Protein backbone atom coordinates (compact mmCIF):
# COMPACT_ATOMS: atom_id res chain seq x y z
CA MET A 1 182.72 213.46 55.44
CA SER A 2 184.95 209.97 55.59
CA LYS A 3 183.86 207.22 57.65
CA ALA A 4 186.65 205.09 59.71
CA ILE A 5 185.50 201.78 60.90
CA PHE A 6 187.91 200.27 63.73
CA TYR A 7 187.38 196.40 63.67
CA HIS A 8 188.75 194.50 66.67
CA ALA A 9 187.80 191.34 68.51
CA GLY A 10 188.08 192.51 72.12
CA CYS A 11 191.32 191.31 73.28
CA PRO A 12 193.58 193.52 75.38
CA VAL A 13 195.71 194.51 72.23
CA CYS A 14 192.58 195.65 70.34
CA VAL A 15 191.18 197.56 73.30
CA GLU A 16 194.40 199.51 73.72
CA ALA A 17 194.71 200.14 70.08
CA GLU A 18 190.94 201.46 70.01
CA GLN A 19 191.53 203.67 72.93
CA GLY A 20 194.91 205.18 71.33
CA VAL A 21 193.96 205.53 67.92
CA LEU A 22 190.34 206.52 67.71
CA ASP A 23 191.72 209.71 70.38
CA TYR A 24 193.77 211.09 67.46
CA LEU A 25 191.27 210.59 64.68
CA ASP A 26 189.83 214.35 63.94
CA LYS A 27 186.12 213.94 64.61
CA SER A 28 185.34 217.34 62.51
CA LYS A 29 186.63 215.10 59.33
CA ILE A 30 186.15 211.56 60.06
CA THR A 31 183.14 209.58 61.77
CA PRO A 32 184.55 206.75 63.62
CA GLU A 33 182.52 203.43 63.94
CA VAL A 34 183.95 200.56 66.10
CA VAL A 35 182.92 196.86 65.33
CA HIS A 36 183.46 194.22 67.79
CA LEU A 37 183.85 191.27 65.49
CA GLY A 38 183.44 188.68 68.59
CA THR A 39 180.18 189.71 69.26
CA ASP A 40 179.27 191.07 65.78
CA GLN A 41 180.28 188.12 63.66
CA ASP A 42 177.99 188.76 60.95
CA ARG A 43 180.27 191.71 59.81
CA ILE A 44 183.14 189.35 59.34
CA GLU A 45 182.81 188.76 55.73
CA GLU A 46 182.53 192.63 55.47
CA ALA A 47 185.75 193.12 56.96
CA GLU A 48 187.55 190.70 54.84
CA LYS A 49 185.81 192.17 51.49
CA VAL A 50 187.61 195.37 52.44
CA GLY A 51 190.86 193.90 53.16
CA VAL A 52 191.02 193.14 56.66
CA LYS A 53 193.41 190.45 57.47
CA SER A 54 193.74 190.75 61.36
CA VAL A 55 192.63 192.88 64.01
CA PRO A 56 192.78 195.44 65.32
CA ALA A 57 192.45 197.17 62.00
CA LEU A 58 191.32 200.76 61.19
CA VAL A 59 189.67 201.17 57.53
CA ILE A 60 189.69 205.04 56.20
CA ASP A 61 188.16 205.34 52.72
CA GLU A 62 189.09 201.73 51.36
CA ASN A 63 192.47 201.87 53.12
CA VAL A 64 193.04 199.32 55.66
CA TYR A 65 195.61 199.76 58.39
CA HIS A 66 196.79 197.05 60.46
CA ILE A 67 197.47 197.86 64.02
CA ASN A 68 199.70 195.68 66.14
CA PHE A 69 198.46 192.07 65.71
CA GLY A 70 195.50 190.95 68.06
CA ALA A 71 194.26 188.04 66.11
CA SER A 72 193.76 186.92 62.63
CA LEU A 73 190.21 187.06 61.00
CA ALA A 74 190.54 183.19 60.71
CA ASP A 75 190.96 183.09 64.60
CA VAL A 76 187.89 185.32 64.91
CA LYS A 77 185.73 183.25 63.14
CA ARG A 78 186.23 180.14 65.39
């Protein structure tokens, strides 16, 4: 089974994207995980290593899908 990680920072754009995108994932094929980088800042480096440049972003099997634009990772680090 594939794993999907949805990275976000809690902003309105991120929350709306989370609600919309995760509803469409087939949970019988993908195990979703939500990572709030605003409160879980120790995972920012992980997000950067897999190629996340801004949030919200969805990572599935090493493919990064940037959804809309809420904030850059540089902004989240502050």
